[in-house]
Amino acid sequence: MTFQLDHAWVWDFWFADDGDTFHLFYLHAPKSLGDPELRHRNARIGHATSADLVDWQDHGPVLGPGDPGSFDETATWTGSVLRGPDGVWWMFYTGARFLPAGGNVETIGTATSPDLHTWTKRPGPVVEADGRWYEKLGTSSWPEEAWRDPWVFADPAGDGWHMLLTARADHGAVDDRGVIGHATSPDLRTWTVRPPLSRAGAGFAHLEVPQIATVDGQYVLLLSCDTPRLSAARRTAGQVGGVWSVPAPAVMGPYPVEDATLVIEESSYSGRLVEDRTGRTVLLAFDNSTTDDGFAGSISDPLPVRWSPERHGIVPLALQNEGTQK
């Protein structure tokens, strides 16, 4: 059944798998706010568990904003979770700080846990946008310093750790600066910002919730971008936003985001790939639709997907006509 809360909207999410149980970490904010747009400034991280990615037991909030003046003083946003070499679980999350003068600065924080249930924040931020390659707040008309949605994974050759991020380049048209940011670490504690792993000018103002995965033996970069954040050229061509996939030549790219193909349209958003207990790759996304009852704010059931050589992207198995997705 769909994961939803009666009292709160649910949107971006990520998983950890301890081998027996799937752990869901999700953003939520109270429906009592009235306006769903206010959820971004009131986001907290919650936790739920499931044996099958369908039936969920909610465990409530696990992480919230920091003290006034801290890098995450406004809200805690999207991240990822992994187990370190010593068995400790690490959460990398986005700290949002909305400034009184306007604008939002995003940086990355960490928390650790012995059991995925109880989390302790570590001093932060651990990494922020570097102006040598990335746009900083105030250097363009864009209203935020985009440096969020960290996806952290081990180096394939065993040489430390990599972090992919939603970021913006320091050059190009304002509506076309979306890039995949990159940072590296030898130990999960200290991080060095690197140049982006994709190029500006690919047709996106931002590339949200990036994830690198393997589907049917093919490396795939999954990302999300809604219609208003597509470049003018893509919108003029009639394209719409949603969840996108990009064929990756290697796990570390470079990622040809200009070749992205749409997986599902933006009524579903912030897609995540995960392997279920049968070994199938499935996609989950949050319900981004709005009805007479307002913003849906729930997380879908798993949707099996496959790699399509014809489309150079992933497609849901339920899709009967690949030509309907452009």
C-alpha atoms as a PDB file:
ATOM      1  CA  MET A   1       0.000   0.000   0.000  1.00  0.00           C
ATOM      2  CA  THR A   2       1.102   3.600  -0.598  1.00  0.00           C
ATOM      3  CA  PHE A   3       3.081   5.143   2.260  1.00  0.00           C
ATOM      4  CA  GLN A   4       1.206   8.154   3.568  1.00  0.00           C
ATOM      5  CA  LEU A   5       0.548  10.004   6.811  1.00  0.00           C
ATOM      6  CA  ASP A   6      -2.818  11.411   7.830  1.00  0.00           C
ATOM      7  CA  HIS A   7      -1.300  14.424   9.582  1.00  0.00           C
ATOM      8  CA  ALA A   8       1.597  15.268   7.251  1.00  0.00           C
ATOM      9  CA  TRP A   9       2.648  15.598   3.628  1.00  0.00           C
ATOM     10  CA  VAL A  10       5.404  13.212   2.573  1.00  0.00           C
ATOM     11  CA  TRP A  11       7.709  13.828  -0.381  1.00  0.00           C
ATOM     12  CA  ASP A  12      11.462  13.216  -1.067  1.00  0.00           C
ATOM     13  CA  PHE A  13      12.813   9.960   0.368  1.00  0.00           C
ATOM     14  CA  TRP A  14      15.702   7.494   0.321  1.00  0.00           C
ATOM     15  CA  PHE A  15      16.405   3.941   1.469  1.00  0.00           C
ATOM     16  CA  ALA A  16      18.787   1.838   3.501  1.00  0.00           C
ATOM     17  CA  ASP A  17      18.712  -1.970   3.380  1.00  0.00           C
ATOM     18  CA  ASP A  18      20.145  -3.864   6.367  1.00  0.00           C
ATOM     19  CA  GLY A  19      19.691  -7.219   4.613  1.00  0.00           C
ATOM     20  CA  ASP A  20      16.457  -8.100   6.389  1.00  0.00           C
ATOM     21  CA  THR A  21      14.494  -4.850   6.417  1.00  0.00           C
ATOM     22  CA  PHE A  22      14.103  -1.878   4.098  1.00  0.00           C
ATOM     23  CA  HIS A  23      14.433   1.428   5.942  1.00  0.00           C
ATOM     24  CA  LEU A  24      12.673   4.426   4.420  1.00  0.00           C
ATOM     25  CA  PHE A  25      13.775   7.940   5.330  1.00  0.00           C
ATOM     26  CA  TYR A  26      11.383  10.629   4.158  1.00  0.00           C
ATOM     27  CA  LEU A  27      10.745  14.356   4.295  1.00  0.00           C
ATOM     28  CA  HIS A  28       7.496  15.410   5.926  1.00  0.00           C
ATOM     29  CA  ALA A  29       5.755  18.535   7.162  1.00  0.00           C
ATOM     30  CA  PRO A  30       2.395  19.020   8.934  1.00  0.00           C
ATOM     31  CA  LYS A  31      -0.729  19.521   6.851  1.00  0.00           C
ATOM     32  CA  SER A  32      -1.815  22.072   9.454  1.00  0.00           C
ATOM     33  CA  LEU A  33       0.463  24.536   7.624  1.00  0.00           C
ATOM     34  CA  GLY A  34      -2.361  24.813   5.083  1.00  0.00           C
ATOM     35  CA  ASP A  35      -0.216  25.751   2.078  1.00  0.00           C
ATOM     36  CA  PRO A  36       1.857  22.792   0.820  1.00  0.00           C
ATOM     37  CA  GLU A  37       4.493  25.202  -0.494  1.00  0.00           C
ATOM     38  CA  LEU A  38       5.345  25.980   3.125  1.00  0.00           C
ATOM     39  CA  ARG A  39       6.459  22.389   3.634  1.00  0.00           C
ATOM     40  CA  HIS A  40       9.958  23.125   2.332  1.00  0.00           C
ATOM     41  CA  ARG A  41      10.711  25.501   5.202  1.00  0.00           C
ATOM     42  CA  ASN A  42       9.277  23.060   7.731  1.00  0.00           C
ATOM     43  CA  ALA A  43      10.762  19.755   6.554  1.00  0.00           C
ATOM     44  CA  ARG A  44      11.824  17.076   9.020  1.00  0.00           C
ATOM     45  CA  ILE A  45      13.221  13.591   8.334  1.00  0.00           C
ATOM     46  CA  GLY A  46      11.078  10.607   9.311  1.00  0.00           C
ATOM     47  CA  HIS A  47      11.697   6.857   9.357  1.00  0.00           C
ATOM     48  CA  ALA A  48       9.624   3.808   8.397  1.00  0.00           C
ATOM     49  CA  THR A  49      10.414   0.129   7.839  1.00  0.00           C
ATOM     50  CA  SER A  50       9.137  -2.620   5.551  1.00  0.00           C
ATOM     51  CA  ALA A  51       9.946  -6.193   4.590  1.00  0.00           C
ATOM     52  CA  ASP A  52       8.672  -5.814   1.024  1.00  0.00           C
ATOM     53  CA  LEU A  53       8.635  -2.087   0.057  1.00  0.00           C
ATOM     54  CA  VAL A  54       4.815  -2.205   0.145  1.00  0.00           C
ATOM     55  CA  ASP A  55       3.615  -2.504   3.760  1.00  0.00           C
ATOM     56  CA  TRP A  56       5.267   0.089   5.988  1.00  0.00           C
ATOM     57  CA  GLN A  57       5.512   0.669   9.722  1.00  0.00           C
ATOM     58  CA  ASP A  58       6.106   4.314  10.576  1.00  0.00           C
ATOM     59  CA  HIS A  59       8.513   5.204  13.394  1.00  0.00           C
ATOM     60  CA  GLY A  60       8.134   8.989  13.276  1.00  0.00           C
ATOM     61  CA  PRO A  61      10.742  11.775  13.106  1.00  0.00           C
ATOM     62  CA  VAL A  62      14.442  11.035  13.496  1.00  0.00           C
ATOM     63  CA  LEU A  63      16.133  14.309  12.477  1.00  0.00           C
ATOM     64  CA  GLY A  64      15.140  17.981  12.496  1.00  0.00           C
ATOM     65  CA  PRO A  65      16.607  21.482  12.167  1.00  0.00           C
ATOM     66  CA  GLY A  66      19.555  22.678  14.202  1.00  0.00           C
ATOM     67  CA  ASP A  67      19.898  25.648  16.518  1.00  0.00           C
ATOM     68  CA  PRO A  68      19.510  29.248  15.262  1.00  0.00           C
ATOM     69  CA  GLY A  69      22.585  30.232  13.299  1.00  0.00           C
ATOM     70  CA  SER A  70      23.457  26.674  12.295  1.00  0.00           C
ATOM     71  CA  PHE A  71      23.770  25.514   8.696  1.00  0.00           C
ATOM     72  CA  ASP A  72      20.509  23.547   9.031  1.00  0.00           C
ATOM     73  CA  GLU A  73      18.602  26.048  11.141  1.00  0.00           C
ATOM     74  CA  THR A  74      15.549  26.178   8.832  1.00  0.00           C
ATOM     75  CA  ALA A  75      14.997  22.600   7.710  1.00  0.00           C
ATOM     76  CA  THR A  76      16.560  19.199   7.074  1.00  0.00           C
ATOM     77  CA  TRP A  77      16.240  18.093   3.458  1.00  0.00           C
ATOM     78  CA  THR A  78      17.007  15.140   1.219  1.00  0.00           C
ATOM     79  CA  GLY A  79      19.979  12.809   1.669  1.00  0.00           C
ATOM     80  CA  SER A  80      21.206   9.227   1.593  1.00  0.00           C
ATOM     81  CA  VAL A  81      22.223   6.532   4.083  1.00  0.00           C
ATOM     82  CA  LEU A  82      25.024   3.952   3.962  1.00  0.00           C
ATOM     83  CA  ARG A  83      26.930   1.682   6.311  1.00  0.00           C
ATOM     84  CA  GLY A  84      30.545   2.578   7.026  1.00  0.00           C
ATOM     85  CA  PRO A  85      33.425   0.075   7.185  1.00  0.00           C
ATOM     86  CA  ASP A  86      33.059  -0.175  10.976  1.00  0.00           C
ATOM     87  CA  GLY A  87      29.349  -1.032  10.779  1.00  0.00           C
ATOM     88  CA  VAL A  88      28.137   2.422  11.793  1.00  0.00           C
ATOM     89  CA  TRP A  89      25.378   3.879   9.639  1.00  0.00           C
ATOM     90  CA  TRP A  90      25.916   7.334   8.143  1.00  0.00           C
ATOM     91  CA  MET A  91      23.227   9.729   6.983  1.00  0.00           C
ATOM     92  CA  PHE A  92      24.223  12.552   4.665  1.00  0.00           C
ATOM     93  CA  TYR A  93      21.502  15.181   4.499  1.00  0.00           C
ATOM     94  CA  THR A  94      20.876  18.693   3.224  1.00  0.00           C
ATOM     95  CA  GLY A  95      20.806  21.553   5.686  1.00  0.00           C
ATOM     96  CA  ALA A  96      18.657  24.474   4.516  1.00  0.00           C
ATOM     97  CA  ARG A  97      19.163  27.992   5.833  1.00  0.00           C
ATOM     98  CA  PHE A  98      16.736  30.648   4.580  1.00  0.00           C
ATOM     99  CA  LEU A  99      18.224  34.118   4.975  1.00  0.00           C
ATOM    100  CA  PRO A 100      16.292  37.151   6.298  1.00  0.00           C
ATOM    101  CA  ALA A 101      17.339  39.143   3.233  1.00  0.00           C
ATOM    102  CA  GLY A 102      16.024  36.432   0.920  1.00  0.00           C
ATOM    103  CA  GLY A 103      17.509  33.338  -0.632  1.00  0.00           C
ATOM    104  CA  ASN A 104      18.429  29.925   0.663  1.00  0.00           C
ATOM    105  CA  VAL A 105      21.867  28.427   1.288  1.00  0.00           C
ATOM    106  CA  GLU A 106      22.155  24.639   1.116  1.00  0.00           C
ATOM    107  CA  THR A 107      25.033  22.667   2.596  1.00  0.00           C
ATOM    108  CA  ILE A 108      25.607  19.060   3.626  1.00  0.00           C
ATOM    109  CA  GLY A 109      25.527  17.638   7.128  1.00  0.00           C
ATOM    110  CA  THR A 110      25.978  14.180   8.629  1.00  0.00           C
ATOM    111  CA  ALA A 111      24.486  12.055  11.379  1.00  0.00           C
ATOM    112  CA  THR A 112      25.412   8.562  12.568  1.00  0.00           C
ATOM    113  CA  SER A 113      23.478   5.648  14.016  1.00  0.00           C
ATOM    114  CA  PRO A 114      24.237   2.165  15.354  1.00  0.00           C
ATOM    115  CA  ASP A 115      20.836   0.784  14.323  1.00  0.00           C
ATOM    116  CA  LEU A 116      19.139   3.108  11.760  1.00  0.00           C
ATOM    117  CA  HIS A 117      16.622   4.163  14.426  1.00  0.00           C
ATOM    118  CA  THR A 118      18.509   6.586  16.685  1.00  0.00           C
ATOM    119  CA  TRP A 119      20.591   9.280  15.002  1.00  0.00           C
ATOM    120  CA  THR A 120      23.188  11.701  16.347  1.00  0.00           C
ATOM    121  CA  LYS A 121      24.216  14.749  14.346  1.00  0.00           C
ATOM    122  CA  ARG A 122      27.903  15.400  13.809  1.00  0.00           C
ATOM    123  CA  PRO A 123      29.352  18.934  13.593  1.00  0.00           C
ATOM    124  CA  GLY A 124      28.700  20.487  10.203  1.00  0.00           C
ATOM    125  CA  PRO A 125      28.487  21.431   7.508  1.00  0.00           C
ATOM    126  CA  VAL A 126      30.945  18.935   6.051  1.00  0.00           C
ATOM    127  CA  VAL A 127      30.897  20.261   2.481  1.00  0.00           C
ATOM    128  CA  GLU A 128      29.519  23.307   0.632  1.00  0.00           C
ATOM    129  CA  ALA A 129      29.522  24.657  -2.909  1.00  0.00           C
ATOM    130  CA  ASP A 130      32.941  25.801  -4.148  1.00  0.00           C
ATOM    131  CA  GLY A 131      32.840  28.995  -6.226  1.00  0.00           C
ATOM    132  CA  ARG A 132      35.659  27.762  -8.468  1.00  0.00           C
ATOM    133  CA  TRP A 133      33.112  25.609 -10.325  1.00  0.00           C
ATOM    134  CA  TYR A 134      29.699  26.145  -8.778  1.00  0.00           C
ATOM    135  CA  GLU A 135      27.236  28.990  -8.543  1.00  0.00           C
ATOM    136  CA  LYS A 136      27.017  30.749  -5.170  1.00  0.00           C
ATOM    137  CA  LEU A 137      24.051  32.694  -3.859  1.00  0.00           C
ATOM    138  CA  GLY A 138      24.033  36.202  -5.306  1.00  0.00           C
ATOM    139  CA  THR A 139      26.205  35.486  -8.346  1.00  0.00           C
ATOM    140  CA  SER A 140      23.110  35.131 -10.559  1.00  0.00           C
ATOM    141  CA  SER A 141      19.374  35.734 -10.262  1.00  0.00           C
ATOM    142  CA  TRP A 142      18.812  32.158  -9.049  1.00  0.00           C
ATOM    143  CA  PRO A 143      17.238  32.349  -5.547  1.00  0.00           C
ATOM    144  CA  GLU A 144      19.301  29.655  -3.842  1.00  0.00           C
ATOM    145  CA  GLU A 145      22.779  28.281  -3.469  1.00  0.00           C
ATOM    146  CA  ALA A 146      22.053  24.812  -4.798  1.00  0.00           C
ATOM    147  CA  TRP A 147      24.123  22.157  -3.026  1.00  0.00           C
ATOM    148  CA  ARG A 148      21.767  19.426  -1.886  1.00  0.00           C
ATOM    149  CA  ASP A 149      20.471  15.843  -2.196  1.00  0.00           C
ATOM    150  CA  PRO A 150      23.794  14.082  -1.449  1.00  0.00           C
ATOM    151  CA  TRP A 151      24.060  10.560  -2.868  1.00  0.00           C
ATOM    152  CA  VAL A 152      27.094   8.884  -1.267  1.00  0.00           C
ATOM    153  CA  PHE A 153      28.679   5.590  -2.339  1.00  0.00           C
ATOM    154  CA  ALA A 154      31.976   3.733  -2.120  1.00  0.00           C
ATOM    155  CA  ASP A 155      34.571   4.187  -4.848  1.00  0.00           C
ATOM    156  CA  PRO A 156      34.416   1.127  -7.162  1.00  0.00           C
ATOM    157  CA  ALA A 157      38.180   0.674  -6.859  1.00  0.00           C
ATOM    158  CA  GLY A 158      38.123   0.968  -3.069  1.00  0.00           C
ATOM    159  CA  ASP A 159      39.636   4.459  -3.024  1.00  0.00           C
ATOM    160  CA  GLY A 160      37.356   6.201  -0.531  1.00  0.00           C
ATOM    161  CA  TRP A 161      33.900   7.618  -1.140  1.00  0.00           C
ATOM    162  CA  HIS A 162      32.036   9.768  -3.659  1.00  0.00           C
ATOM    163  CA  MET A 163      29.171  12.198  -3.231  1.00  0.00           C
ATOM    164  CA  LEU A 164      26.863  13.276  -6.079  1.00  0.00           C
ATOM    165  CA  LEU A 165      24.869  16.470  -5.546  1.00  0.00           C
ATOM    166  CA  THR A 166      22.236  18.724  -7.026  1.00  0.00           C
ATOM    167  CA  ALA A 167      24.317  21.747  -8.025  1.00  0.00           C
ATOM    168  CA  ARG A 168      24.550  24.609 -10.519  1.00  0.00           C
ATOM    169  CA  ALA A 169      27.513  25.635 -12.642  1.00  0.00           C
ATOM    170  CA  ASP A 170      29.030  29.109 -12.366  1.00  0.00           C
ATOM    171  CA  HIS A 171      28.435  29.853 -16.055  1.00  0.00           C
ATOM    172  CA  GLY A 172      25.800  29.617 -18.771  1.00  0.00           C
ATOM    173  CA  ALA A 173      22.179  30.710 -19.127  1.00  0.00           C
ATOM    174  CA  VAL A 174      20.458  30.981 -15.755  1.00  0.00           C
ATOM    175  CA  ASP A 175      17.842  28.383 -16.728  1.00  0.00           C
ATOM    176  CA  ASP A 176      20.474  25.938 -18.026  1.00  0.00           C
ATOM    177  CA  ARG A 177      23.108  25.632 -15.306  1.00  0.00           C
ATOM    178  CA  GLY A 178      22.041  22.364 -13.672  1.00  0.00           C
ATOM    179  CA  VAL A 179      24.965  19.974 -13.134  1.00  0.00           C
ATOM    180  CA  ILE A 180      25.831  16.928 -11.044  1.00  0.00           C
ATOM    181  CA  GLY A 181      28.122  18.173  -8.288  1.00  0.00           C
ATOM    182  CA  HIS A 182      30.918  15.966  -6.987  1.00  0.00           C
ATOM    183  CA  ALA A 183      32.914  15.625  -3.777  1.00  0.00           C
ATOM    184  CA  THR A 184      35.248  12.899  -2.486  1.00  0.00           C
ATOM    185  CA  SER A 185      36.342  11.632   0.911  1.00  0.00           C
ATOM    186  CA  PRO A 186      38.892   9.117   2.216  1.00  0.00           C
ATOM    187  CA  ASP A 187      36.919   8.371   5.396  1.00  0.00           C
ATOM    188  CA  LEU A 188      33.316   9.766   5.205  1.00  0.00           C
ATOM    189  CA  ARG A 189      34.385  12.573   7.568  1.00  0.00           C
ATOM    190  CA  THR A 190      36.455  15.019   5.530  1.00  0.00           C
ATOM    191  CA  TRP A 191      35.336  15.992   2.029  1.00  0.00           C
ATOM    192  CA  THR A 192      36.942  17.730  -0.946  1.00  0.00           C
ATOM    193  CA  VAL A 193      34.837  19.411  -3.618  1.00  0.00           C
ATOM    194  CA  ARG A 194      35.648  18.366  -7.188  1.00  0.00           C
ATOM    195  CA  PRO A 195      34.536  19.712 -10.595  1.00  0.00           C
ATOM    196  CA  PRO A 196      31.058  18.638 -11.731  1.00  0.00           C
ATOM    197  CA  LEU A 197      30.506  15.288 -13.444  1.00  0.00           C
ATOM    198  CA  SER A 198      28.176  16.741 -16.080  1.00  0.00           C
ATOM    199  CA  ARG A 199      28.162  19.850 -18.243  1.00  0.00           C
ATOM    200  CA  ALA A 200      26.046  22.983 -18.023  1.00  0.00           C
ATOM    201  CA  GLY A 201      23.818  23.544 -21.038  1.00  0.00           C
ATOM    202  CA  ALA A 202      22.135  20.130 -20.905  1.00  0.00           C
ATOM    203  CA  GLY A 203      18.664  21.697 -20.713  1.00  0.00           C
ATOM    204  CA  PHE A 204      17.989  21.748 -16.966  1.00  0.00           C
ATOM    205  CA  ALA A 205      18.074  24.472 -14.332  1.00  0.00           C
ATOM    206  CA  HIS A 206      18.615  21.822 -11.673  1.00  0.00           C
ATOM    207  CA  LEU A 207      19.100  18.056 -11.460  1.00  0.00           C
ATOM    208  CA  GLU A 208      17.401  16.905  -8.279  1.00  0.00           C
ATOM    209  CA  VAL A 209      17.886  13.772  -6.140  1.00  0.00           C
ATOM    210  CA  PRO A 210      20.644  12.199  -8.279  1.00  0.00           C
ATOM    211  CA  GLN A 211      21.271   8.487  -7.874  1.00  0.00           C
ATOM    212  CA  ILE A 212      23.673   6.179  -9.700  1.00  0.00           C
ATOM    213  CA  ALA A 213      22.457   2.582 -10.085  1.00  0.00           C
ATOM    214  CA  THR A 214      22.735  -0.476 -12.320  1.00  0.00           C
ATOM    215  CA  VAL A 215      19.695  -1.673 -14.274  1.00  0.00           C
ATOM    216  CA  ASP A 216      20.046  -4.827 -16.391  1.00  0.00           C
ATOM    217  CA  GLY A 217      23.824  -4.411 -16.363  1.00  0.00           C
ATOM    218  CA  GLN A 218      23.723  -0.776 -17.510  1.00  0.00           C
ATOM    219  CA  TYR A 219      24.926   2.112 -15.336  1.00  0.00           C
ATOM    220  CA  VAL A 220      22.102   4.618 -15.015  1.00  0.00           C
ATOM    221  CA  LEU A 221      21.988   8.080 -13.491  1.00  0.00           C
ATOM    222  CA  LEU A 222      18.502   8.789 -12.172  1.00  0.00           C
ATOM    223  CA  LEU A 223      17.455  12.385 -11.545  1.00  0.00           C
ATOM    224  CA  SER A 224      14.359  14.563 -11.334  1.00  0.00           C
ATOM    225  CA  CYS A 225      13.470  17.913 -12.892  1.00  0.00           C
ATOM    226  CA  ASP A 226      10.007  19.445 -13.173  1.00  0.00           C
ATOM    227  CA  THR A 227       8.684  21.385 -16.158  1.00  0.00           C
ATOM    228  CA  PRO A 228       9.258  24.922 -14.777  1.00  0.00           C
ATOM    229  CA  ARG A 229      12.951  24.072 -14.236  1.00  0.00           C
ATOM    230  CA  LEU A 230      13.555  22.785 -17.749  1.00  0.00           C
ATOM    231  CA  SER A 231      15.479  25.153 -19.983  1.00  0.00           C
ATOM    232  CA  ALA A 232      13.520  27.443 -22.281  1.00  0.00           C
ATOM    233  CA  ALA A 233      14.662  25.344 -25.249  1.00  0.00           C
ATOM    234  CA  ARG A 234      13.246  22.125 -23.776  1.00  0.00           C
ATOM    235  CA  ARG A 235       9.960  23.804 -22.811  1.00  0.00           C
ATOM    236  CA  THR A 236       9.624  25.402 -26.235  1.00  0.00           C
ATOM    237  CA  ALA A 237      10.075  21.941 -27.750  1.00  0.00           C
ATOM    238  CA  GLY A 238       7.068  20.802 -25.710  1.00  0.00           C
ATOM    239  CA  GLN A 239       8.939  18.687 -23.186  1.00  0.00           C
ATOM    240  CA  VAL A 240       7.562  18.145 -19.688  1.00  0.00           C
ATOM    241  CA  GLY A 241       9.374  17.331 -16.494  1.00  0.00           C
ATOM    242  CA  GLY A 242       9.413  14.381 -14.141  1.00  0.00           C
ATOM    243  CA  VAL A 243      11.849  11.579 -13.346  1.00  0.00           C
ATOM    244  CA  TRP A 244      14.663  11.159 -15.901  1.00  0.00           C
ATOM    245  CA  SER A 245      17.336   8.553 -16.603  1.00  0.00           C
ATOM    246  CA  VAL A 246      20.753   9.065 -18.173  1.00  0.00           C
ATOM    247  CA  PRO A 247      22.951   6.271 -19.594  1.00  0.00           C
ATOM    248  CA  ALA A 248      26.302   6.424 -17.839  1.00  0.00           C
ATOM    249  CA  PRO A 249      29.454   5.069 -19.523  1.00  0.00           C
ATOM    250  CA  ALA A 250      30.912   4.297 -16.083  1.00  0.00           C
ATOM    251  CA  VAL A 251      29.806   4.581 -12.494  1.00  0.00           C
ATOM    252  CA  MET A 252      31.816   7.804 -12.136  1.00  0.00           C
ATOM    253  CA  GLY A 253      30.635   9.287 -15.413  1.00  0.00           C
ATOM    254  CA  PRO A 254      31.041  11.702 -16.989  1.00  0.00           C
ATOM    255  CA  TYR A 255      27.257  11.837 -17.196  1.00  0.00           C
ATOM    256  CA  PRO A 256      25.763  12.933 -20.565  1.00  0.00           C
ATOM    257  CA  VAL A 257      22.720  14.634 -19.036  1.00  0.00           C
ATOM    258  CA  GLU A 258      21.877  16.128 -22.427  1.00  0.00           C
ATOM    259  CA  ASP A 259      20.847  12.566 -23.393  1.00  0.00           C
ATOM    260  CA  ALA A 260      18.369  12.207 -20.520  1.00  0.00           C
ATOM    261  CA  THR A 261      15.063  10.482 -21.296  1.00  0.00           C
ATOM    262  CA  LEU A 262      11.855  10.818 -19.312  1.00  0.00           C
ATOM    263  CA  VAL A 263      10.877   7.792 -17.224  1.00  0.00           C
ATOM    264  CA  ILE A 264       7.648   9.077 -15.651  1.00  0.00           C
ATOM    265  CA  GLU A 265       6.004  12.494 -15.855  1.00  0.00           C
ATOM    266  CA  GLU A 266       6.030  14.941 -12.964  1.00  0.00           C
ATOM    267  CA  SER A 267       2.794  13.833 -11.297  1.00  0.00           C
ATOM    268  CA  SER A 268       5.328  11.399  -9.804  1.00  0.00           C
ATOM    269  CA  TYR A 269       8.606  12.911  -8.641  1.00  0.00           C
ATOM    270  CA  SER A 270      11.874  12.342  -6.792  1.00  0.00           C
ATOM    271  CA  GLY A 271      12.251   8.789  -8.069  1.00  0.00           C
ATOM    272  CA  ARG A 272      14.469   6.229  -6.365  1.00  0.00           C
ATOM    273  CA  LEU A 273      15.685   2.873  -7.654  1.00  0.00           C
ATOM    274  CA  VAL A 274      16.041  -0.071  -5.285  1.00  0.00           C
ATOM    275  CA  GLU A 275      16.369  -3.838  -5.675  1.00  0.00           C
ATOM    276  CA  ASP A 276      13.545  -5.800  -4.044  1.00  0.00           C
ATOM    277  CA  ARG A 277      13.895  -9.191  -2.369  1.00  0.00           C
ATOM    278  CA  THR A 278      13.291 -11.017  -5.664  1.00  0.00           C
ATOM    279  CA  GLY A 279      16.214  -9.193  -7.287  1.00  0.00           C
ATOM    280  CA  ARG A 280      14.031  -6.944  -9.441  1.00  0.00           C
ATOM    281  CA  THR A 281      14.934  -3.287  -9.848  1.00  0.00           C
ATOM    282  CA  VAL A 282      11.923  -1.175  -8.878  1.00  0.00           C
ATOM    283  CA  LEU A 283      11.204   2.534  -8.921  1.00  0.00           C
ATOM    284  CA  LEU A 284       9.345   4.435  -6.220  1.00  0.00           C
ATOM    285  CA  ALA A 285       8.390   8.110  -6.380  1.00  0.00           C
ATOM    286  CA  PHE A 286       6.268  10.517  -4.395  1.00  0.00           C
ATOM    287  CA  ASP A 287       2.798  11.535  -5.566  1.00  0.00           C
ATOM    288  CA  ASN A 288       3.283  15.107  -6.759  1.00  0.00           C
ATOM    289  CA  SER A 289      -0.259  15.550  -8.032  1.00  0.00           C
ATOM    290  CA  THR A 290      -2.784  18.079  -6.798  1.00  0.00           C
ATOM    291  CA  THR A 291      -6.510  17.303  -6.591  1.00  0.00           C
ATOM    292  CA  ASP A 292      -9.530  18.999  -5.058  1.00  0.00           C
ATOM    293  CA  ASP A 293      -8.213  17.697  -1.741  1.00  0.00           C
ATOM    294  CA  GLY A 294      -4.878  19.452  -2.321  1.00  0.00           C
ATOM    295  CA  PHE A 295      -1.288  18.203  -2.650  1.00  0.00           C
ATOM    296  CA  ALA A 296      -1.195  14.402  -2.420  1.00  0.00           C
ATOM    297  CA  GLY A 297       2.152  14.039  -0.644  1.00  0.00           C
ATOM    298  CA  SER A 298       2.538  10.264  -0.410  1.00  0.00           C
ATOM    299  CA  ILE A 299       5.014   7.627  -1.672  1.00  0.00           C
ATOM    300  CA  SER A 300       4.073   5.130  -4.368  1.00  0.00           C
ATOM    301  CA  ASP A 301       4.209   1.374  -4.392  1.00  0.00           C
ATOM    302  CA  PRO A 302       7.250  -0.103  -6.198  1.00  0.00           C
ATOM    303  CA  LEU A 303       7.110  -0.125  -9.993  1.00  0.00           C
ATOM    304  CA  PRO A 304       9.364  -2.660 -11.775  1.00  0.00           C
ATOM    305  CA  VAL A 305      11.587  -1.116 -14.460  1.00  0.00           C
ATOM    306  CA  ARG A 306      13.964  -2.353 -17.130  1.00  0.00           C
ATOM    307  CA  TRP A 307      16.711  -0.936 -19.310  1.00  0.00           C
ATOM    308  CA  SER A 308      15.540  -0.121 -22.830  1.00  0.00           C
ATOM    309  CA  PRO A 309      18.367  -0.117 -25.411  1.00  0.00           C
ATOM    310  CA  GLU A 310      15.955   1.469 -27.921  1.00  0.00           C
ATOM    311  CA  ARG A 311      15.344   4.481 -25.693  1.00  0.00           C
ATOM    312  CA  HIS A 312      18.754   4.499 -24.008  1.00  0.00           C
ATOM    313  CA  GLY A 313      16.956   4.777 -20.709  1.00  0.00           C
ATOM    314  CA  ILE A 314      14.867   2.915 -18.179  1.00  0.00           C
ATOM    315  CA  VAL A 315      11.153   2.269 -18.681  1.00  0.00           C
ATOM    316  CA  PRO A 316       8.463   0.864 -16.395  1.00  0.00           C
ATOM    317  CA  LEU A 317       7.589  -2.733 -17.253  1.00  0.00           C
ATOM    318  CA  ALA A 318       3.920  -1.717 -17.252  1.00  0.00           C
ATOM    319  CA  LEU A 319       4.517   0.679 -20.139  1.00  0.00           C
ATOM    320  CA  GLN A 320       2.898  -0.848 -23.202  1.00  0.00           C
ATOM    321  CA  ASN A 321       4.047   1.668 -25.760  1.00  0.00           C
ATOM    322  CA  GLU A 322       7.532   3.082 -25.363  1.00  0.00           C
ATOM    323  CA  GLY A 323       6.659   5.786 -27.856  1.00  0.00           C
ATOM    324  CA  THR A 324       4.328   7.420 -25.324  1.00  0.00           C
ATOM    325  CA  GLN A 325       7.311   8.561 -23.266  1.00  0.00           C
ATOM    326  CA  LYS A 326       9.456  11.173 -24.963  1.00  0.00           C
END
